[in-house]
Amino acid sequence: MKLNFLVPKQPIFFNSFVGLSEKVVEIAELLNKLFQSQNIEQISEFSKAAKQIEHQADEITHNIVFRLNRTFVTPFDREDIYNLTEGLDDIIDLIENVIHNIEIYKIDVNEKFLSDYASIISQAAGKLSTLTKLLQKRKYSDEFKQLIVDIHTIEDRGDEIYLGVIKDLFENGRDPISVIKIKDINDDLENVIDEFQATSNTFENILVKSQ
């Protein structure tokens, strides 16, 4: 028998998760705008904006950990709270790193594979944000399940983009320095997509254990 009435509500955790997921959406939108930009000179402004979002996310993350260490009864397992927080924060860190590396490498933001990645990253961010809002209901609903499936499908699309870039690098005779730079950015963007899937799995594990 579940004694849910004995567990006090902890809206602060859910509100913080929503806050982190909003930062995921914000930095995903920033990435999308960067790849739509026609002026490489603006990259430094995008990089500064990404760093600011990353700092704001870190503050939310630190607040969650602070409260986790001082809360006796939590809405679900402490390890799950930590893993979910870490996953959301890692997505933001990884995207910030992509923008930072594009600035350092002076990558042409009009490369098609960049906009392809940006599109699916924006989709994944939106779906992850919805998952976060549904989490407080603690119900493994059809909507929740479909969002998990959608994010896994997006990860599959990310694999297709990744392999397409690798194929292009070896078929189109780019100079070695360009190959290294683009391969690094391609790896970074694949890591972003992989982290979306890993974090969606954390969401799923939390609700499966609570049923």
C-alpha atoms as a PDB file:
ATOM      1  CA  MET A   1       0.000   0.000   0.000  1.00  0.00           C
ATOM      2  CA  LYS A   2       1.344   3.425  -0.978  1.00  0.00           C
ATOM      3  CA  LEU A   3       1.271   5.974   1.812  1.00  0.00           C
ATOM      4  CA  ASN A   4       1.485   9.047  -0.441  1.00  0.00           C
ATOM      5  CA  PHE A   5      -0.476  11.096   2.102  1.00  0.00           C
ATOM      6  CA  LEU A   6       2.524  10.838   4.429  1.00  0.00           C
ATOM      7  CA  VAL A   7       4.814  12.491   1.883  1.00  0.00           C
ATOM      8  CA  PRO A   8       4.731  16.283   1.996  1.00  0.00           C
ATOM      9  CA  LYS A   9       4.620  18.073  -1.317  1.00  0.00           C
ATOM     10  CA  GLN A  10       7.934  19.506  -2.470  1.00  0.00           C
ATOM     11  CA  PRO A  11       7.001  22.019  -5.188  1.00  0.00           C
ATOM     12  CA  ILE A  12      10.425  23.641  -4.950  1.00  0.00           C
ATOM     13  CA  PHE A  13      12.043  20.657  -6.689  1.00  0.00           C
ATOM     14  CA  PHE A  14       9.477  20.513  -9.481  1.00  0.00           C
ATOM     15  CA  ASN A  15       9.631  24.286  -9.958  1.00  0.00           C
ATOM     16  CA  SER A  16      13.419  24.074 -10.197  1.00  0.00           C
ATOM     17  CA  PHE A  17      13.224  21.266 -12.766  1.00  0.00           C
ATOM     18  CA  VAL A  18      10.875  23.413 -14.834  1.00  0.00           C
ATOM     19  CA  GLY A  19      13.305  26.313 -14.464  1.00  0.00           C
ATOM     20  CA  LEU A  20      16.184  24.163 -15.726  1.00  0.00           C
ATOM     21  CA  SER A  21      14.134  22.823 -18.637  1.00  0.00           C
ATOM     22  CA  GLU A  22      13.275  26.408 -19.612  1.00  0.00           C
ATOM     23  CA  LYS A  23      17.011  27.148 -19.751  1.00  0.00           C
ATOM     24  CA  VAL A  24      17.412  24.109 -22.022  1.00  0.00           C
ATOM     25  CA  VAL A  25      14.790  25.559 -24.368  1.00  0.00           C
ATOM     26  CA  GLU A  26      16.390  28.997 -24.173  1.00  0.00           C
ATOM     27  CA  ILE A  27      19.888  27.837 -25.119  1.00  0.00           C
ATOM     28  CA  ALA A  28      18.495  25.521 -27.829  1.00  0.00           C
ATOM     29  CA  GLU A  29      16.719  28.525 -29.365  1.00  0.00           C
ATOM     30  CA  LEU A  30      19.956  30.510 -29.127  1.00  0.00           C
ATOM     31  CA  LEU A  31      21.783  27.741 -30.996  1.00  0.00           C
ATOM     32  CA  ASN A  32      19.104  27.775 -33.677  1.00  0.00           C
ATOM     33  CA  LYS A  33      19.381  31.535 -34.096  1.00  0.00           C
ATOM     34  CA  LEU A  34      23.165  31.267 -34.356  1.00  0.00           C
ATOM     35  CA  PHE A  35      22.925  28.801 -37.234  1.00  0.00           C
ATOM     36  CA  GLN A  36      20.428  31.061 -38.994  1.00  0.00           C
ATOM     37  CA  SER A  37      22.732  34.048 -38.651  1.00  0.00           C
ATOM     38  CA  GLN A  38      24.500  35.245 -41.788  1.00  0.00           C
ATOM     39  CA  ASN A  39      27.144  37.253 -39.924  1.00  0.00           C
ATOM     40  CA  ILE A  40      29.992  35.297 -38.355  1.00  0.00           C
ATOM     41  CA  GLU A  41      31.049  38.489 -36.560  1.00  0.00           C
ATOM     42  CA  GLN A  42      28.035  38.069 -34.257  1.00  0.00           C
ATOM     43  CA  ILE A  43      29.327  34.782 -32.861  1.00  0.00           C
ATOM     44  CA  SER A  44      30.942  36.445 -29.846  1.00  0.00           C
ATOM     45  CA  GLU A  45      27.548  37.849 -28.809  1.00  0.00           C
ATOM     46  CA  PHE A  46      25.990  34.414 -29.065  1.00  0.00           C
ATOM     47  CA  SER A  47      28.838  32.957 -27.043  1.00  0.00           C
ATOM     48  CA  LYS A  48      28.350  35.541 -24.289  1.00  0.00           C
ATOM     49  CA  ALA A  49      24.603  34.878 -24.220  1.00  0.00           C
ATOM     50  CA  ALA A  50      25.198  31.114 -23.992  1.00  0.00           C
ATOM     51  CA  LYS A  51      27.591  31.595 -21.090  1.00  0.00           C
ATOM     52  CA  GLN A  52      24.995  33.697 -19.270  1.00  0.00           C
ATOM     53  CA  ILE A  53      22.339  31.000 -19.698  1.00  0.00           C
ATOM     54  CA  GLU A  54      24.840  28.397 -18.480  1.00  0.00           C
ATOM     55  CA  HIS A  55      25.558  30.457 -15.350  1.00  0.00           C
ATOM     56  CA  GLN A  56      21.824  30.853 -14.649  1.00  0.00           C
ATOM     57  CA  ALA A  57      21.356  27.085 -15.014  1.00  0.00           C
ATOM     58  CA  ASP A  58      24.243  26.460 -12.628  1.00  0.00           C
ATOM     59  CA  GLU A  59      22.536  28.634 -10.015  1.00  0.00           C
ATOM     60  CA  ILE A  60      19.352  26.563 -10.296  1.00  0.00           C
ATOM     61  CA  THR A  61      21.380  23.355 -10.102  1.00  0.00           C
ATOM     62  CA  HIS A  62      23.255  24.497  -6.994  1.00  0.00           C
ATOM     63  CA  ASN A  63      19.953  25.483  -5.381  1.00  0.00           C
ATOM     64  CA  ILE A  64      18.491  22.014  -6.018  1.00  0.00           C
ATOM     65  CA  VAL A  65      21.524  20.281  -4.520  1.00  0.00           C
ATOM     66  CA  PHE A  66      21.498  22.677  -1.554  1.00  0.00           C
ATOM     67  CA  ARG A  67      17.844  21.921  -0.803  1.00  0.00           C
ATOM     68  CA  LEU A  68      18.312  18.208  -1.463  1.00  0.00           C
ATOM     69  CA  ASN A  69      20.944  18.064   1.268  1.00  0.00           C
ATOM     70  CA  ARG A  70      18.594  19.783   3.714  1.00  0.00           C
ATOM     71  CA  THR A  71      15.307  18.050   2.953  1.00  0.00           C
ATOM     72  CA  PHE A  72      14.344  14.958   4.915  1.00  0.00           C
ATOM     73  CA  VAL A  73      11.476  13.749   2.719  1.00  0.00           C
ATOM     74  CA  THR A  74      11.813  14.177  -1.040  1.00  0.00           C
ATOM     75  CA  PRO A  75       9.210  13.631  -3.800  1.00  0.00           C
ATOM     76  CA  PHE A  76      11.235  10.732  -5.177  1.00  0.00           C
ATOM     77  CA  ASP A  77      14.643   9.111  -4.651  1.00  0.00           C
ATOM     78  CA  ARG A  78      17.488  11.482  -3.915  1.00  0.00           C
ATOM     79  CA  GLU A  79      19.665   9.771  -6.496  1.00  0.00           C
ATOM     80  CA  ASP A  80      16.968  10.301  -9.128  1.00  0.00           C
ATOM     81  CA  ILE A  81      16.674  13.981  -8.231  1.00  0.00           C
ATOM     82  CA  TYR A  82      20.422  14.359  -8.564  1.00  0.00           C
ATOM     83  CA  ASN A  83      20.563  12.420 -11.862  1.00  0.00           C
ATOM     84  CA  LEU A  84      17.730  14.430 -13.382  1.00  0.00           C
ATOM     85  CA  THR A  85      19.291  17.712 -12.285  1.00  0.00           C
ATOM     86  CA  GLU A  86      22.669  16.657 -13.644  1.00  0.00           C
ATOM     87  CA  GLY A  87      21.149  15.555 -16.963  1.00  0.00           C
ATOM     88  CA  LEU A  88      19.334  18.845 -17.587  1.00  0.00           C
ATOM     89  CA  ASP A  89      22.387  20.845 -16.568  1.00  0.00           C
ATOM     90  CA  ASP A  90      24.671  18.729 -18.769  1.00  0.00           C
ATOM     91  CA  ILE A  91      22.545  19.447 -21.853  1.00  0.00           C
ATOM     92  CA  ILE A  92      22.974  23.165 -21.251  1.00  0.00           C
ATOM     93  CA  ASP A  93      26.720  22.793 -20.657  1.00  0.00           C
ATOM     94  CA  LEU A  94      27.129  20.764 -23.842  1.00  0.00           C
ATOM     95  CA  ILE A  95      25.249  23.281 -26.000  1.00  0.00           C
ATOM     96  CA  GLU A  96      27.227  26.139 -24.489  1.00  0.00           C
ATOM     97  CA  ASN A  97      30.383  24.214 -25.343  1.00  0.00           C
ATOM     98  CA  VAL A  98      29.251  23.829 -28.965  1.00  0.00           C
ATOM     99  CA  ILE A  99      28.721  27.574 -29.320  1.00  0.00           C
ATOM    100  CA  HIS A 100      32.058  28.273 -27.636  1.00  0.00           C
ATOM    101  CA  ASN A 101      33.908  25.880 -29.972  1.00  0.00           C
ATOM    102  CA  ILE A 102      32.236  27.329 -33.058  1.00  0.00           C
ATOM    103  CA  GLU A 103      33.585  30.721 -32.002  1.00  0.00           C
ATOM    104  CA  ILE A 104      37.097  29.347 -31.438  1.00  0.00           C
ATOM    105  CA  TYR A 105      37.193  27.319 -34.672  1.00  0.00           C
ATOM    106  CA  LYS A 106      35.496  30.064 -36.719  1.00  0.00           C
ATOM    107  CA  ILE A 107      33.173  27.498 -38.273  1.00  0.00           C
ATOM    108  CA  ASP A 108      30.931  28.723 -41.094  1.00  0.00           C
ATOM    109  CA  VAL A 109      27.520  28.832 -39.414  1.00  0.00           C
ATOM    110  CA  ASN A 110      25.883  28.227 -42.793  1.00  0.00           C
ATOM    111  CA  GLU A 111      27.087  24.620 -42.912  1.00  0.00           C
ATOM    112  CA  LYS A 112      23.897  22.621 -43.550  1.00  0.00           C
ATOM    113  CA  PHE A 113      24.559  19.972 -40.916  1.00  0.00           C
ATOM    114  CA  LEU A 114      24.508  22.685 -38.232  1.00  0.00           C
ATOM    115  CA  SER A 115      20.964  23.773 -39.045  1.00  0.00           C
ATOM    116  CA  ASP A 116      19.925  20.108 -39.274  1.00  0.00           C
ATOM    117  CA  TYR A 117      21.177  19.530 -35.734  1.00  0.00           C
ATOM    118  CA  ALA A 118      19.674  22.801 -34.472  1.00  0.00           C
ATOM    119  CA  SER A 119      16.240  21.782 -35.728  1.00  0.00           C
ATOM    120  CA  ILE A 120      16.148  18.461 -33.883  1.00  0.00           C
ATOM    121  CA  ILE A 121      17.764  19.944 -30.765  1.00  0.00           C
ATOM    122  CA  SER A 122      14.969  22.525 -30.612  1.00  0.00           C
ATOM    123  CA  GLN A 123      12.407  19.737 -30.984  1.00  0.00           C
ATOM    124  CA  ALA A 124      14.024  17.681 -28.243  1.00  0.00           C
ATOM    125  CA  ALA A 125      14.207  20.705 -25.920  1.00  0.00           C
ATOM    126  CA  GLY A 126      10.494  21.367 -26.333  1.00  0.00           C
ATOM    127  CA  LYS A 127       9.583  17.753 -25.630  1.00  0.00           C
ATOM    128  CA  LEU A 128      11.876  17.614 -22.600  1.00  0.00           C
ATOM    129  CA  SER A 129      10.245  20.777 -21.261  1.00  0.00           C
ATOM    130  CA  THR A 130       6.828  19.144 -21.563  1.00  0.00           C
ATOM    131  CA  LEU A 131       8.121  16.013 -19.796  1.00  0.00           C
ATOM    132  CA  THR A 132       9.294  18.193 -16.930  1.00  0.00           C
ATOM    133  CA  LYS A 133       5.875  19.788 -16.523  1.00  0.00           C
ATOM    134  CA  LEU A 134       4.176  16.377 -16.601  1.00  0.00           C
ATOM    135  CA  LEU A 135       6.528  14.901 -14.004  1.00  0.00           C
ATOM    136  CA  GLN A 136       4.718  16.446 -11.051  1.00  0.00           C
ATOM    137  CA  LYS A 137       1.589  14.467 -11.931  1.00  0.00           C
ATOM    138  CA  ARG A 138       3.588  11.281 -11.264  1.00  0.00           C
ATOM    139  CA  LYS A 139       1.549   9.434 -13.854  1.00  0.00           C
ATOM    140  CA  TYR A 140       3.030   7.367 -16.663  1.00  0.00           C
ATOM    141  CA  SER A 141       0.460   8.595 -19.136  1.00  0.00           C
ATOM    142  CA  ASP A 142       0.229   7.939 -22.871  1.00  0.00           C
ATOM    143  CA  GLU A 143       1.394  11.507 -23.465  1.00  0.00           C
ATOM    144  CA  PHE A 144       4.419  11.020 -21.245  1.00  0.00           C
ATOM    145  CA  LYS A 145       5.296   7.723 -22.954  1.00  0.00           C
ATOM    146  CA  GLN A 146       4.967   9.265 -26.427  1.00  0.00           C
ATOM    147  CA  LEU A 147       7.336  12.100 -25.512  1.00  0.00           C
ATOM    148  CA  ILE A 148       9.948   9.527 -24.483  1.00  0.00           C
ATOM    149  CA  VAL A 149       9.480   7.712 -27.796  1.00  0.00           C
ATOM    150  CA  ASP A 150       9.725  11.009 -29.702  1.00  0.00           C
ATOM    151  CA  ILE A 151      13.022  11.907 -28.056  1.00  0.00           C
ATOM    152  CA  HIS A 152      14.428   8.477 -28.890  1.00  0.00           C
ATOM    153  CA  THR A 153      13.329   8.993 -32.498  1.00  0.00           C
ATOM    154  CA  ILE A 154      15.103  12.357 -32.504  1.00  0.00           C
ATOM    155  CA  GLU A 155      18.251  10.626 -31.252  1.00  0.00           C
ATOM    156  CA  ASP A 156      18.017   8.230 -34.210  1.00  0.00           C
ATOM    157  CA  ARG A 157      17.801  11.227 -36.527  1.00  0.00           C
ATOM    158  CA  GLY A 158      20.869  12.657 -34.795  1.00  0.00           C
ATOM    159  CA  ASP A 159      22.778   9.461 -35.614  1.00  0.00           C
ATOM    160  CA  GLU A 160      21.807   9.859 -39.278  1.00  0.00           C
ATOM    161  CA  ILE A 161      23.084  13.441 -39.356  1.00  0.00           C
ATOM    162  CA  TYR A 162      26.290  12.427 -37.594  1.00  0.00           C
ATOM    163  CA  LEU A 163      27.068   9.642 -40.069  1.00  0.00           C
ATOM    164  CA  GLY A 164      26.191  11.911 -42.995  1.00  0.00           C
ATOM    165  CA  VAL A 165      28.739  14.471 -41.828  1.00  0.00           C
ATOM    166  CA  ILE A 166      31.450  11.816 -41.445  1.00  0.00           C
ATOM    167  CA  LYS A 167      30.705  10.511 -44.938  1.00  0.00           C
ATOM    168  CA  ASP A 168      30.865  14.028 -46.381  1.00  0.00           C
ATOM    169  CA  LEU A 169      34.208  14.726 -44.724  1.00  0.00           C
ATOM    170  CA  PHE A 170      35.850  11.746 -46.411  1.00  0.00           C
ATOM    171  CA  GLU A 171      34.174  12.117 -49.798  1.00  0.00           C
ATOM    172  CA  ASN A 172      34.488  15.834 -50.530  1.00  0.00           C
ATOM    173  CA  GLY A 173      38.199  16.385 -50.032  1.00  0.00           C
ATOM    174  CA  ARG A 174      38.212  19.080 -47.353  1.00  0.00           C
ATOM    175  CA  ASP A 175      41.541  20.271 -46.056  1.00  0.00           C
ATOM    176  CA  PRO A 176      42.805  18.430 -42.941  1.00  0.00           C
ATOM    177  CA  ILE A 177      42.297  21.367 -40.561  1.00  0.00           C
ATOM    178  CA  SER A 178      38.673  21.791 -41.663  1.00  0.00           C
ATOM    179  CA  VAL A 179      38.110  18.050 -41.221  1.00  0.00           C
ATOM    180  CA  ILE A 180      39.373  18.196 -37.630  1.00  0.00           C
ATOM    181  CA  LYS A 181      37.259  21.253 -36.771  1.00  0.00           C
ATOM    182  CA  ILE A 182      34.047  19.940 -38.290  1.00  0.00           C
ATOM    183  CA  LYS A 183      34.533  16.479 -36.822  1.00  0.00           C
ATOM    184  CA  ASP A 184      34.910  18.020 -33.331  1.00  0.00           C
ATOM    185  CA  ILE A 185      31.723  20.079 -33.714  1.00  0.00           C
ATOM    186  CA  ASN A 186      29.896  17.045 -35.123  1.00  0.00           C
ATOM    187  CA  ASP A 187      30.975  14.978 -32.108  1.00  0.00           C
ATOM    188  CA  ASP A 188      29.867  17.764 -29.748  1.00  0.00           C
ATOM    189  CA  LEU A 189      26.426  17.994 -31.330  1.00  0.00           C
ATOM    190  CA  GLU A 190      25.951  14.231 -31.257  1.00  0.00           C
ATOM    191  CA  ASN A 191      26.781  14.333 -27.546  1.00  0.00           C
ATOM    192  CA  VAL A 192      24.003  16.895 -27.059  1.00  0.00           C
ATOM    193  CA  ILE A 193      21.461  14.609 -28.731  1.00  0.00           C
ATOM    194  CA  ASP A 194      22.684  11.598 -26.770  1.00  0.00           C
ATOM    195  CA  GLU A 195      22.266  13.525 -23.505  1.00  0.00           C
ATOM    196  CA  PHE A 196      18.670  14.372 -24.401  1.00  0.00           C
ATOM    197  CA  GLN A 197      17.949  10.656 -24.735  1.00  0.00           C
ATOM    198  CA  ALA A 198      19.799   9.786 -21.522  1.00  0.00           C
ATOM    199  CA  THR A 199      17.866  12.447 -19.606  1.00  0.00           C
ATOM    200  CA  SER A 200      14.551  11.272 -21.040  1.00  0.00           C
ATOM    201  CA  ASN A 201      15.449   7.797 -19.763  1.00  0.00           C
ATOM    202  CA  THR A 202      15.934   9.290 -16.293  1.00  0.00           C
ATOM    203  CA  PHE A 203      12.447  10.797 -16.472  1.00  0.00           C
ATOM    204  CA  GLU A 204      11.039   7.422 -17.466  1.00  0.00           C
ATOM    205  CA  ASN A 205      12.880   5.563 -14.696  1.00  0.00           C
ATOM    206  CA  ILE A 206      11.514   7.948 -12.079  1.00  0.00           C
ATOM    207  CA  LEU A 207       7.905   7.411 -13.082  1.00  0.00           C
ATOM    208  CA  VAL A 208       8.241   3.660 -13.626  1.00  0.00           C
ATOM    209  CA  LYS A 209       9.540   3.288 -10.057  1.00  0.00           C
ATOM    210  CA  SER A 210       6.740   5.434  -8.665  1.00  0.00           C
ATOM    211  CA  GLN A 211       3.880   3.431 -10.189  1.00  0.00           C
END
